[in-house]
Amino acid sequence: MDKRKIIFDCDIGCDDAVALISLLLCKDVEVTAITCVRGNIPVDDVVLNALKVSHLCGKDIPVYKGCSQAMVRTLLKGRDYNTLMETIHMEIDGKEILIHDRSFDLPLPDKTVEKEHACSYLVNTLRDSEEKLDIVAVGPLTNIAMALRLDPDIVRNIGTIYIMGGGLYIGNRTPVAEANFYDDPEAAEIVLNCGAHCIVFPIEACEMGAGYTREDLDELEKTGNPIGRFLKEELQGYIDRCNILFGGDESSCCVYDYAAAGMLIDESVVTEKRAEIVHVDVSGGMSDGQMVVDRRGMFRQDLPVEVVYRMDAEKLHRILLDELKQS
């Protein structure tokens, strides 16, 4: 059986790493390229982490550097002040504390980033492809939106875009906006309404399916796979850093981006999804970056977005454990 060919677009921090590893280890999936965008961390750091993770998995995947900032949102200097944006940065004894590691503690391979820009790669590859390619998009959607602006016709060769982003009822960057959509609302609006088949994994669905306790992380290590040990160490650090930054005492974390990758591997991990009309607020006001789902049924749309509402956590956990045991 032919493998499903995908492009992985990311801002690779901890949860992106889990998503990427699950796809690289899947025998039915071929990751044809990794495109990098600024989001969790600066884009140069994203590139290095992507190279390191690919090398850890024994894969030689081309990595492309993409956009280092949002399409337009930074042009309005006061935009952030309207939204009650949460600050997620701290310095303790001269050491920077962020939610996501800027540099994974992994060897840097000899392979380097490709010379072509990620947006050019997306346009050229999708324009010339003889088959539809799926995209797993787990960071701000800047690269994909820019490619669609450069050549809207590439949409005909996009299969499904699996998007981690948005919130049904809450946000995490602001009261109503999730980080990936907030960091580039215009890009999210363009992608969600480009005509491609989009499946969105909002905060609530991810937390239902991709929550990991410290005991779950022990299970990853018990597989005996070095990749499992890396994931345990990285995600434990993720929990610890979040406790420092947010003043909590949590013993678990949500590996948000893995939810989107998990469905591509096995559709049955999603137990409820609905076709919805979806937009993203780009007003620059209090709800800037909010995912707005219109459930009224008043407007016809030929290609609505599919929004995931419920997931099977046990099955999602099992996929990754089985991959680690078999690789």
C-alpha atoms as a PDB file:
ATOM      1  CA  MET A   1       0.000   0.000   0.000  1.00  0.00           C
ATOM      2  CA  ASP A   2       1.293   3.460  -0.891  1.00  0.00           C
ATOM      3  CA  LYS A   3       2.231   5.651   2.018  1.00  0.00           C
ATOM      4  CA  ARG A   4       0.345   8.890   2.691  1.00  0.00           C
ATOM      5  CA  LYS A   5       2.650  11.750   1.779  1.00  0.00           C
ATOM      6  CA  ILE A   6       2.569  14.744   4.110  1.00  0.00           C
ATOM      7  CA  ILE A   7       4.253  18.069   4.740  1.00  0.00           C
ATOM      8  CA  PHE A   8       4.811  18.877   8.413  1.00  0.00           C
ATOM      9  CA  ASP A   9       4.586  22.623   9.143  1.00  0.00           C
ATOM     10  CA  CYS A  10       5.665  23.489  12.677  1.00  0.00           C
ATOM     11  CA  ASP A  11       7.138  25.807  15.309  1.00  0.00           C
ATOM     12  CA  ILE A  12       8.769  22.833  16.975  1.00  0.00           C
ATOM     13  CA  GLY A  13       8.615  22.860  20.721  1.00  0.00           C
ATOM     14  CA  CYS A  14       7.757  19.915  22.959  1.00  0.00           C
ATOM     15  CA  ASP A  15       4.346  18.984  21.581  1.00  0.00           C
ATOM     16  CA  ASP A  16       5.432  19.498  17.956  1.00  0.00           C
ATOM     17  CA  ALA A  17       8.284  17.066  18.641  1.00  0.00           C
ATOM     18  CA  VAL A  18       5.845  14.353  19.780  1.00  0.00           C
ATOM     19  CA  ALA A  19       3.674  14.950  16.710  1.00  0.00           C
ATOM     20  CA  LEU A  20       6.647  14.824  14.340  1.00  0.00           C
ATOM     21  CA  ILE A  21       8.107  11.702  15.958  1.00  0.00           C
ATOM     22  CA  SER A  22       4.769   9.882  15.733  1.00  0.00           C
ATOM     23  CA  LEU A  23       4.612  10.623  11.999  1.00  0.00           C
ATOM     24  CA  LEU A  24       8.252   9.739  11.331  1.00  0.00           C
ATOM     25  CA  LEU A  25       7.799   6.378  13.077  1.00  0.00           C
ATOM     26  CA  CYS A  26       4.524   5.556  11.333  1.00  0.00           C
ATOM     27  CA  LYS A  27       4.995   2.900   8.637  1.00  0.00           C
ATOM     28  CA  ASP A  28       2.027   4.190   6.625  1.00  0.00           C
ATOM     29  CA  VAL A  29       3.173   7.820   6.433  1.00  0.00           C
ATOM     30  CA  GLU A  30       5.969   9.518   4.507  1.00  0.00           C
ATOM     31  CA  VAL A  31       6.992  12.945   5.767  1.00  0.00           C
ATOM     32  CA  THR A  32       8.259  14.563   2.571  1.00  0.00           C
ATOM     33  CA  ALA A  33       9.390  17.841   4.152  1.00  0.00           C
ATOM     34  CA  ILE A  34       9.391  19.871   7.354  1.00  0.00           C
ATOM     35  CA  THR A  35       8.605  23.570   6.994  1.00  0.00           C
ATOM     36  CA  CYS A  36       9.414  25.822   9.928  1.00  0.00           C
ATOM     37  CA  VAL A  37       7.703  28.967  11.184  1.00  0.00           C
ATOM     38  CA  ARG A  38       8.119  31.312  14.119  1.00  0.00           C
ATOM     39  CA  GLY A  39       5.722  30.554  16.954  1.00  0.00           C
ATOM     40  CA  ASN A  40       6.683  28.837  20.194  1.00  0.00           C
ATOM     41  CA  ILE A  41      10.283  29.887  19.561  1.00  0.00           C
ATOM     42  CA  PRO A  42      12.207  31.907  16.905  1.00  0.00           C
ATOM     43  CA  VAL A  43      12.309  30.260  13.490  1.00  0.00           C
ATOM     44  CA  ASP A  44      16.073  29.625  13.525  1.00  0.00           C
ATOM     45  CA  ASP A  45      15.644  27.573  16.693  1.00  0.00           C
ATOM     46  CA  VAL A  46      12.698  25.748  15.117  1.00  0.00           C
ATOM     47  CA  VAL A  47      14.940  24.735  12.203  1.00  0.00           C
ATOM     48  CA  LEU A  48      17.641  23.333  14.485  1.00  0.00           C
ATOM     49  CA  ASN A  49      15.134  21.384  16.576  1.00  0.00           C
ATOM     50  CA  ALA A  50      13.540  19.929  13.434  1.00  0.00           C
ATOM     51  CA  LEU A  51      16.933  18.766  12.185  1.00  0.00           C
ATOM     52  CA  LYS A  52      17.741  17.226  15.565  1.00  0.00           C
ATOM     53  CA  VAL A  53      14.447  15.336  15.858  1.00  0.00           C
ATOM     54  CA  SER A  54      14.690  13.977  12.313  1.00  0.00           C
ATOM     55  CA  HIS A  55      18.208  12.744  13.042  1.00  0.00           C
ATOM     56  CA  LEU A  56      17.063  11.155  16.321  1.00  0.00           C
ATOM     57  CA  CYS A  57      14.492   9.138  14.341  1.00  0.00           C
ATOM     58  CA  GLY A  58      17.077   8.109  11.749  1.00  0.00           C
ATOM     59  CA  LYS A  59      15.371  10.069   8.969  1.00  0.00           C
ATOM     60  CA  ASP A  60      16.844  12.299   6.289  1.00  0.00           C
ATOM     61  CA  ILE A  61      14.012  14.795   5.823  1.00  0.00           C
ATOM     62  CA  PRO A  62      14.532  18.138   4.048  1.00  0.00           C
ATOM     63  CA  VAL A  63      13.927  21.046   6.435  1.00  0.00           C
ATOM     64  CA  TYR A  64      12.907  24.472   5.120  1.00  0.00           C
ATOM     65  CA  LYS A  65      13.108  27.749   7.001  1.00  0.00           C
ATOM     66  CA  GLY A  66       9.926  29.793   6.685  1.00  0.00           C
ATOM     67  CA  CYS A  67       8.487  33.027   7.999  1.00  0.00           C
ATOM     68  CA  SER A  68      10.112  34.719  10.968  1.00  0.00           C
ATOM     69  CA  GLN A  69       7.070  36.849  11.812  1.00  0.00           C
ATOM     70  CA  ALA A  70       3.331  37.072  11.214  1.00  0.00           C
ATOM     71  CA  MET A  71       1.899  38.346   7.931  1.00  0.00           C
ATOM     72  CA  VAL A  72       0.713  41.742   9.194  1.00  0.00           C
ATOM     73  CA  ARG A  73      -0.283  41.652  12.866  1.00  0.00           C
ATOM     74  CA  THR A  74       2.968  43.234  14.128  1.00  0.00           C
ATOM     75  CA  LEU A  75       2.396  46.350  11.981  1.00  0.00           C
ATOM     76  CA  LEU A  76      -0.062  47.667  14.573  1.00  0.00           C
ATOM     77  CA  LYS A  77       2.171  48.212  17.579  1.00  0.00           C
ATOM     78  CA  GLY A  78      -0.615  48.518  20.124  1.00  0.00           C
ATOM     79  CA  ARG A  79      -2.483  45.397  19.049  1.00  0.00           C
ATOM     80  CA  ASP A  80      -1.287  43.164  21.891  1.00  0.00           C
ATOM     81  CA  TYR A  81      -2.422  45.631  24.547  1.00  0.00           C
ATOM     82  CA  ASN A  82      -6.074  45.219  23.571  1.00  0.00           C
ATOM     83  CA  THR A  83      -6.290  41.508  24.299  1.00  0.00           C
ATOM     84  CA  LEU A  84      -5.182  40.696  27.879  1.00  0.00           C
ATOM     85  CA  MET A  85      -2.353  38.653  26.390  1.00  0.00           C
ATOM     86  CA  GLU A  86      -0.666  36.328  28.864  1.00  0.00           C
ATOM     87  CA  THR A  87       3.071  36.813  29.360  1.00  0.00           C
ATOM     88  CA  ILE A  88       4.873  33.475  29.157  1.00  0.00           C
ATOM     89  CA  HIS A  89       8.456  34.501  29.773  1.00  0.00           C
ATOM     90  CA  MET A  90      10.494  34.661  32.955  1.00  0.00           C
ATOM     91  CA  GLU A  91      14.119  35.026  33.943  1.00  0.00           C
ATOM     92  CA  ILE A  92      15.483  33.350  37.095  1.00  0.00           C
ATOM     93  CA  ASP A  93      19.111  33.892  38.148  1.00  0.00           C
ATOM     94  CA  GLY A  94      19.901  35.105  34.658  1.00  0.00           C
ATOM     95  CA  LYS A  95      18.380  32.007  33.012  1.00  0.00           C
ATOM     96  CA  GLU A  96      15.534  32.407  30.524  1.00  0.00           C
ATOM     97  CA  ILE A  97      12.481  30.237  31.272  1.00  0.00           C
ATOM     98  CA  LEU A  98      10.099  29.548  28.389  1.00  0.00           C
ATOM     99  CA  ILE A  99       7.293  27.023  27.951  1.00  0.00           C
ATOM    100  CA  HIS A 100       9.203  25.323  25.148  1.00  0.00           C
ATOM    101  CA  ASP A 101      12.906  24.567  24.929  1.00  0.00           C
ATOM    102  CA  ARG A 102      14.623  26.747  22.368  1.00  0.00           C
ATOM    103  CA  SER A 103      17.182  23.975  21.861  1.00  0.00           C
ATOM    104  CA  PHE A 104      16.579  20.265  22.407  1.00  0.00           C
ATOM    105  CA  ASP A 105      19.376  18.420  24.199  1.00  0.00           C
ATOM    106  CA  LEU A 106      20.143  16.293  21.146  1.00  0.00           C
ATOM    107  CA  PRO A 107      23.141  16.011  18.803  1.00  0.00           C
ATOM    108  CA  LEU A 108      23.084  18.336  15.818  1.00  0.00           C
ATOM    109  CA  PRO A 109      23.391  16.329  12.593  1.00  0.00           C
ATOM    110  CA  ASP A 110      25.635  17.226   9.668  1.00  0.00           C
ATOM    111  CA  LYS A 111      22.539  17.886   7.551  1.00  0.00           C
ATOM    112  CA  THR A 112      21.652  21.567   7.214  1.00  0.00           C
ATOM    113  CA  VAL A 113      18.575  23.549   6.301  1.00  0.00           C
ATOM    114  CA  GLU A 114      17.587  23.729   2.627  1.00  0.00           C
ATOM    115  CA  LYS A 115      18.365  26.932   0.736  1.00  0.00           C
ATOM    116  CA  GLU A 116      14.856  27.369  -0.646  1.00  0.00           C
ATOM    117  CA  HIS A 117      12.384  29.315   1.494  1.00  0.00           C
ATOM    118  CA  ALA A 118       9.536  27.257   2.971  1.00  0.00           C
ATOM    119  CA  CYS A 119       6.862  29.289   1.185  1.00  0.00           C
ATOM    120  CA  SER A 120       8.570  28.832  -2.182  1.00  0.00           C
ATOM    121  CA  TYR A 121       8.896  25.133  -1.472  1.00  0.00           C
ATOM    122  CA  LEU A 122       5.177  24.856  -0.688  1.00  0.00           C
ATOM    123  CA  VAL A 123       4.182  26.708  -3.849  1.00  0.00           C
ATOM    124  CA  ASN A 124       6.518  24.795  -6.160  1.00  0.00           C
ATOM    125  CA  THR A 125       5.795  21.394  -4.656  1.00  0.00           C
ATOM    126  CA  LEU A 126       2.013  21.761  -4.525  1.00  0.00           C
ATOM    127  CA  ARG A 127       1.839  23.384  -7.942  1.00  0.00           C
ATOM    128  CA  ASP A 128       3.750  20.522  -9.612  1.00  0.00           C
ATOM    129  CA  SER A 129       2.512  17.576  -7.565  1.00  0.00           C
ATOM    130  CA  GLU A 130       0.811  14.756  -9.445  1.00  0.00           C
ATOM    131  CA  GLU A 131      -1.010  13.677  -6.302  1.00  0.00           C
ATOM    132  CA  LYS A 132      -2.672  15.400  -3.388  1.00  0.00           C
ATOM    133  CA  LEU A 133      -0.463  16.052  -0.372  1.00  0.00           C
ATOM    134  CA  ASP A 134      -1.715  16.324   3.188  1.00  0.00           C
ATOM    135  CA  ILE A 135      -0.380  19.001   5.533  1.00  0.00           C
ATOM    136  CA  VAL A 136      -0.072  18.712   9.300  1.00  0.00           C
ATOM    137  CA  ALA A 137       0.055  22.301  10.545  1.00  0.00           C
ATOM    138  CA  VAL A 138       0.840  22.661  14.246  1.00  0.00           C
ATOM    139  CA  GLY A 139       2.157  26.215  14.496  1.00  0.00           C
ATOM    140  CA  PRO A 140       0.985  29.613  13.294  1.00  0.00           C
ATOM    141  CA  LEU A 141      -0.309  29.229   9.732  1.00  0.00           C
ATOM    142  CA  THR A 142       1.900  31.935   8.218  1.00  0.00           C
ATOM    143  CA  ASN A 143       3.830  29.745   5.776  1.00  0.00           C
ATOM    144  CA  ILE A 144       0.739  28.081   4.339  1.00  0.00           C
ATOM    145  CA  ALA A 145      -1.219  31.328   4.071  1.00  0.00           C
ATOM    146  CA  MET A 146       1.674  33.070   2.329  1.00  0.00           C
ATOM    147  CA  ALA A 147       1.934  30.185  -0.144  1.00  0.00           C
ATOM    148  CA  LEU A 148      -1.795  30.422  -0.831  1.00  0.00           C
ATOM    149  CA  ARG A 149      -1.458  34.161  -1.431  1.00  0.00           C
ATOM    150  CA  LEU A 150       1.437  33.571  -3.829  1.00  0.00           C
ATOM    151  CA  ASP A 151      -0.542  30.993  -5.798  1.00  0.00           C
ATOM    152  CA  PRO A 152      -4.143  30.257  -4.759  1.00  0.00           C
ATOM    153  CA  ASP A 153      -4.333  27.448  -7.351  1.00  0.00           C
ATOM    154  CA  ILE A 154      -2.115  25.189  -5.239  1.00  0.00           C
ATOM    155  CA  VAL A 155      -5.196  24.377  -3.186  1.00  0.00           C
ATOM    156  CA  ARG A 156      -6.199  21.827  -5.820  1.00  0.00           C
ATOM    157  CA  ASN A 157      -3.267  19.614  -4.825  1.00  0.00           C
ATOM    158  CA  ILE A 158      -3.829  19.855  -1.063  1.00  0.00           C
ATOM    159  CA  GLY A 159      -5.555  16.826   0.388  1.00  0.00           C
ATOM    160  CA  THR A 160      -6.387  17.561   4.032  1.00  0.00           C
ATOM    161  CA  ILE A 161      -4.862  20.174   6.325  1.00  0.00           C
ATOM    162  CA  TYR A 162      -4.772  18.912   9.920  1.00  0.00           C
ATOM    163  CA  ILE A 163      -4.629  22.057  12.053  1.00  0.00           C
ATOM    164  CA  MET A 164      -3.931  22.380  15.759  1.00  0.00           C
ATOM    165  CA  GLY A 165      -5.444  25.734  16.650  1.00  0.00           C
ATOM    166  CA  GLY A 166      -8.294  27.692  18.100  1.00  0.00           C
ATOM    167  CA  GLY A 167     -10.497  27.188  21.113  1.00  0.00           C
ATOM    168  CA  LEU A 168     -14.194  26.332  21.263  1.00  0.00           C
ATOM    169  CA  TYR A 169     -14.882  28.216  24.467  1.00  0.00           C
ATOM    170  CA  ILE A 170     -11.551  29.363  25.907  1.00  0.00           C
ATOM    171  CA  GLY A 171      -8.131  30.587  24.851  1.00  0.00           C
ATOM    172  CA  ASN A 172      -4.652  30.158  26.244  1.00  0.00           C
ATOM    173  CA  ARG A 173      -2.815  33.177  24.868  1.00  0.00           C
ATOM    174  CA  THR A 174      -5.790  35.453  25.669  1.00  0.00           C
ATOM    175  CA  PRO A 175      -9.183  34.750  27.285  1.00  0.00           C
ATOM    176  CA  VAL A 176     -10.565  33.680  23.895  1.00  0.00           C
ATOM    177  CA  ALA A 177      -7.603  33.133  21.539  1.00  0.00           C
ATOM    178  CA  GLU A 178      -5.372  30.064  21.240  1.00  0.00           C
ATOM    179  CA  ALA A 179      -1.682  30.741  20.609  1.00  0.00           C
ATOM    180  CA  ASN A 180      -1.310  29.485  17.021  1.00  0.00           C
ATOM    181  CA  PHE A 181      -4.295  31.495  15.780  1.00  0.00           C
ATOM    182  CA  TYR A 182      -3.456  34.506  17.936  1.00  0.00           C
ATOM    183  CA  ASP A 183       0.116  34.700  16.650  1.00  0.00           C
ATOM    184  CA  ASP A 184      -1.137  35.137  13.071  1.00  0.00           C
ATOM    185  CA  PRO A 185      -4.922  35.586  12.869  1.00  0.00           C
ATOM    186  CA  GLU A 186      -4.899  36.717   9.235  1.00  0.00           C
ATOM    187  CA  ALA A 187      -3.040  33.570   8.215  1.00  0.00           C
ATOM    188  CA  ALA A 188      -5.510  31.358  10.088  1.00  0.00           C
ATOM    189  CA  GLU A 189      -8.466  33.073   8.394  1.00  0.00           C
ATOM    190  CA  ILE A 190      -6.892  32.613   4.951  1.00  0.00           C
ATOM    191  CA  VAL A 191      -6.123  28.917   5.432  1.00  0.00           C
ATOM    192  CA  LEU A 192      -9.437  27.953   7.019  1.00  0.00           C
ATOM    193  CA  ASN A 193     -11.340  29.499   4.130  1.00  0.00           C
ATOM    194  CA  CYS A 194      -9.061  28.640   1.203  1.00  0.00           C
ATOM    195  CA  GLY A 195     -11.250  25.802  -0.060  1.00  0.00           C
ATOM    196  CA  ALA A 196      -9.046  22.950   1.121  1.00  0.00           C
ATOM    197  CA  HIS A 197     -10.415  20.263   3.403  1.00  0.00           C
ATOM    198  CA  CYS A 198      -9.425  21.459   6.878  1.00  0.00           C
ATOM    199  CA  ILE A 199      -9.763  19.571  10.162  1.00  0.00           C
ATOM    200  CA  VAL A 200      -9.261  21.737  13.250  1.00  0.00           C
ATOM    201  CA  PHE A 201      -8.182  20.417  16.648  1.00  0.00           C
ATOM    202  CA  PRO A 202      -9.091  23.101  19.213  1.00  0.00           C
ATOM    203  CA  ILE A 203      -7.733  23.322  22.740  1.00  0.00           C
ATOM    204  CA  GLU A 204     -10.579  21.389  24.331  1.00  0.00           C
ATOM    205  CA  ALA A 205     -10.345  18.357  22.023  1.00  0.00           C
ATOM    206  CA  CYS A 206      -6.574  18.209  22.444  1.00  0.00           C
ATOM    207  CA  GLU A 207      -6.849  18.301  26.216  1.00  0.00           C
ATOM    208  CA  MET A 208      -9.364  15.460  26.072  1.00  0.00           C
ATOM    209  CA  GLY A 209      -7.129  13.267  23.908  1.00  0.00           C
ATOM    210  CA  ALA A 210      -3.492  14.233  24.433  1.00  0.00           C
ATOM    211  CA  GLY A 211      -3.062  14.763  28.158  1.00  0.00           C
ATOM    212  CA  TYR A 212       0.013  13.109  29.642  1.00  0.00           C
ATOM    213  CA  THR A 213       0.693  12.518  33.346  1.00  0.00           C
ATOM    214  CA  ARG A 214       4.139  11.823  34.773  1.00  0.00           C
ATOM    215  CA  GLU A 215       3.072   8.148  34.948  1.00  0.00           C
ATOM    216  CA  ASP A 216       2.275   8.237  31.215  1.00  0.00           C
ATOM    217  CA  LEU A 217       5.754   9.621  30.579  1.00  0.00           C
ATOM    218  CA  ASP A 218       7.250   6.727  32.555  1.00  0.00           C
ATOM    219  CA  GLU A 219       5.495   4.380  30.129  1.00  0.00           C
ATOM    220  CA  LEU A 220       7.243   6.075  27.202  1.00  0.00           C
ATOM    221  CA  GLU A 221      10.609   5.483  28.869  1.00  0.00           C
ATOM    222  CA  LYS A 222       9.780   1.854  29.696  1.00  0.00           C
ATOM    223  CA  THR A 223       9.590   1.040  25.980  1.00  0.00           C
ATOM    224  CA  GLY A 224      13.396   0.981  26.097  1.00  0.00           C
ATOM    225  CA  ASN A 225      13.553   3.169  23.024  1.00  0.00           C
ATOM    226  CA  PRO A 226      15.980   6.147  23.238  1.00  0.00           C
ATOM    227  CA  ILE A 227      13.285   8.240  21.568  1.00  0.00           C
ATOM    228  CA  GLY A 228      10.947   7.411  24.445  1.00  0.00           C
ATOM    229  CA  ARG A 229      13.564   8.533  26.953  1.00  0.00           C
ATOM    230  CA  PHE A 230      13.988  11.808  25.083  1.00  0.00           C
ATOM    231  CA  LEU A 231      10.230  12.387  25.095  1.00  0.00           C
ATOM    232  CA  LYS A 232       9.962  11.671  28.804  1.00  0.00           C
ATOM    233  CA  GLU A 233      12.757  14.093  29.659  1.00  0.00           C
ATOM    234  CA  GLU A 234      11.450  16.811  27.347  1.00  0.00           C
ATOM    235  CA  LEU A 235       7.846  16.577  28.519  1.00  0.00           C
ATOM    236  CA  GLN A 236       8.842  16.426  32.194  1.00  0.00           C
ATOM    237  CA  GLY A 237      10.756  19.636  31.593  1.00  0.00           C
ATOM    238  CA  TYR A 238       7.653  21.052  29.905  1.00  0.00           C
ATOM    239  CA  ILE A 239       5.579  20.326  33.030  1.00  0.00           C
ATOM    240  CA  ASP A 240       8.224  21.795  35.328  1.00  0.00           C
ATOM    241  CA  ARG A 241       8.634  24.981  33.265  1.00  0.00           C
ATOM    242  CA  CYS A 242       4.874  25.547  33.129  1.00  0.00           C
ATOM    243  CA  ASN A 243       4.672  25.202  36.912  1.00  0.00           C
ATOM    244  CA  ILE A 244       7.367  27.850  37.280  1.00  0.00           C
ATOM    245  CA  LEU A 245       5.804  30.210  34.742  1.00  0.00           C
ATOM    246  CA  PHE A 246       2.214  29.881  35.910  1.00  0.00           C
ATOM    247  CA  GLY A 247       2.775  29.261  39.610  1.00  0.00           C
ATOM    248  CA  GLY A 248       1.073  25.881  39.629  1.00  0.00           C
ATOM    249  CA  ASP A 249       1.766  22.403  40.932  1.00  0.00           C
ATOM    250  CA  GLU A 250       0.590  20.334  37.980  1.00  0.00           C
ATOM    251  CA  SER A 251       1.742  16.777  37.390  1.00  0.00           C
ATOM    252  CA  SER A 252       0.567  16.555  33.794  1.00  0.00           C
ATOM    253  CA  CYS A 253       0.663  18.407  30.483  1.00  0.00           C
ATOM    254  CA  CYS A 254      -1.239  18.477  27.226  1.00  0.00           C
ATOM    255  CA  VAL A 255       0.701  17.462  24.116  1.00  0.00           C
ATOM    256  CA  TYR A 256      -1.605  19.506  21.884  1.00  0.00           C
ATOM    257  CA  ASP A 257       0.010  18.993  18.496  1.00  0.00           C
ATOM    258  CA  TYR A 258       0.097  15.221  18.800  1.00  0.00           C
ATOM    259  CA  ALA A 259      -3.712  15.212  18.607  1.00  0.00           C
ATOM    260  CA  ALA A 260      -3.610  16.427  14.999  1.00  0.00           C
ATOM    261  CA  ALA A 261      -0.908  13.964  13.984  1.00  0.00           C
ATOM    262  CA  GLY A 262      -2.692  11.105  15.734  1.00  0.00           C
ATOM    263  CA  MET A 263      -5.800  11.421  13.597  1.00  0.00           C
ATOM    264  CA  LEU A 264      -3.779  11.261  10.406  1.00  0.00           C
ATOM    265  CA  ILE A 265      -2.292   7.979  11.658  1.00  0.00           C
ATOM    266  CA  ASP A 266      -5.615   6.546  12.844  1.00  0.00           C
ATOM    267  CA  GLU A 267      -8.881   8.380  12.166  1.00  0.00           C
ATOM    268  CA  SER A 268     -10.679   6.467  14.921  1.00  0.00           C
ATOM    269  CA  VAL A 269      -8.909   8.500  17.638  1.00  0.00           C
ATOM    270  CA  VAL A 270     -11.489  11.198  16.843  1.00  0.00           C
ATOM    271  CA  THR A 271     -14.865  10.192  18.219  1.00  0.00           C
ATOM    272  CA  GLU A 272     -16.802  13.360  17.344  1.00  0.00           C
ATOM    273  CA  LYS A 273     -16.286  16.038  14.721  1.00  0.00           C
ATOM    274  CA  ARG A 274     -18.712  18.415  13.067  1.00  0.00           C
ATOM    275  CA  ALA A 275     -18.778  20.341   9.816  1.00  0.00           C
ATOM    276  CA  GLU A 276     -18.864  24.015  10.794  1.00  0.00           C
ATOM    277  CA  ILE A 277     -18.464  27.475   9.323  1.00  0.00           C
ATOM    278  CA  VAL A 278     -15.304  28.842  10.942  1.00  0.00           C
ATOM    279  CA  HIS A 279     -13.659  32.266  10.880  1.00  0.00           C
ATOM    280  CA  VAL A 280     -10.943  33.978  12.901  1.00  0.00           C
ATOM    281  CA  ASP A 281     -11.251  37.465  14.358  1.00  0.00           C
ATOM    282  CA  VAL A 282      -8.678  39.831  12.818  1.00  0.00           C
ATOM    283  CA  SER A 283     -10.096  43.045  14.283  1.00  0.00           C
ATOM    284  CA  GLY A 284      -7.187  43.820  16.598  1.00  0.00           C
ATOM    285  CA  GLY A 285      -9.577  44.223  19.517  1.00  0.00           C
ATOM    286  CA  MET A 286     -10.266  42.252  22.680  1.00  0.00           C
ATOM    287  CA  SER A 287     -11.147  39.065  20.750  1.00  0.00           C
ATOM    288  CA  ASP A 288      -8.270  39.287  18.278  1.00  0.00           C
ATOM    289  CA  GLY A 289      -7.319  35.784  17.103  1.00  0.00           C
ATOM    290  CA  GLN A 290     -10.469  34.111  18.413  1.00  0.00           C
ATOM    291  CA  MET A 291     -11.836  31.174  16.433  1.00  0.00           C
ATOM    292  CA  VAL A 292     -15.482  31.968  15.712  1.00  0.00           C
ATOM    293  CA  VAL A 293     -17.726  28.986  14.917  1.00  0.00           C
ATOM    294  CA  ASP A 294     -21.055  29.893  13.326  1.00  0.00           C
ATOM    295  CA  ARG A 295     -23.473  27.128  14.286  1.00  0.00           C
ATOM    296  CA  ARG A 296     -26.637  28.991  13.280  1.00  0.00           C
ATOM    297  CA  GLY A 297     -26.961  27.303   9.887  1.00  0.00           C
ATOM    298  CA  MET A 298     -27.940  30.565   8.210  1.00  0.00           C
ATOM    299  CA  PHE A 299     -25.179  30.626   5.608  1.00  0.00           C
ATOM    300  CA  ARG A 300     -24.364  27.939   3.076  1.00  0.00           C
ATOM    301  CA  GLN A 301     -20.747  27.039   2.574  1.00  0.00           C
ATOM    302  CA  ASP A 302     -19.710  24.308   0.143  1.00  0.00           C
ATOM    303  CA  LEU A 303     -16.517  23.378   1.989  1.00  0.00           C
ATOM    304  CA  PRO A 304     -17.043  23.862   5.698  1.00  0.00           C
ATOM    305  CA  VAL A 305     -14.267  23.185   8.172  1.00  0.00           C
ATOM    306  CA  GLU A 306     -14.445  20.019  10.262  1.00  0.00           C
ATOM    307  CA  VAL A 307     -14.002  20.794  13.956  1.00  0.00           C
ATOM    308  CA  VAL A 308     -13.000  18.031  16.358  1.00  0.00           C
ATOM    309  CA  TYR A 309     -15.001  17.911  19.597  1.00  0.00           C
ATOM    310  CA  ARG A 310     -14.087  14.595  21.225  1.00  0.00           C
ATOM    311  CA  MET A 311     -11.095  12.222  21.140  1.00  0.00           C
ATOM    312  CA  ASP A 312     -10.144   8.800  22.497  1.00  0.00           C
ATOM    313  CA  ALA A 313      -7.184   9.381  24.820  1.00  0.00           C
ATOM    314  CA  GLU A 314      -6.421   5.709  25.422  1.00  0.00           C
ATOM    315  CA  LYS A 315      -6.185   4.986  21.714  1.00  0.00           C
ATOM    316  CA  LEU A 316      -4.046   8.061  21.056  1.00  0.00           C
ATOM    317  CA  HIS A 317      -1.622   7.056  23.818  1.00  0.00           C
ATOM    318  CA  ARG A 318      -1.455   3.509  22.471  1.00  0.00           C
ATOM    319  CA  ILE A 319      -0.407   4.634  18.986  1.00  0.00           C
ATOM    320  CA  LEU A 320       2.750   6.307  20.262  1.00  0.00           C
ATOM    321  CA  LEU A 321       3.634   3.503  22.668  1.00  0.00           C
ATOM    322  CA  ASP A 322       3.253   0.875  19.944  1.00  0.00           C
ATOM    323  CA  GLU A 323       5.407   2.898  17.548  1.00  0.00           C
ATOM    324  CA  LEU A 324       8.178   3.242  20.128  1.00  0.00           C
ATOM    325  CA  LYS A 325       8.098  -0.487  20.905  1.00  0.00           C
ATOM    326  CA  GLN A 326       8.239  -1.469  17.249  1.00  0.00           C
ATOM    327  CA  SER A 327      10.883   0.956  16.020  1.00  0.00           C
END
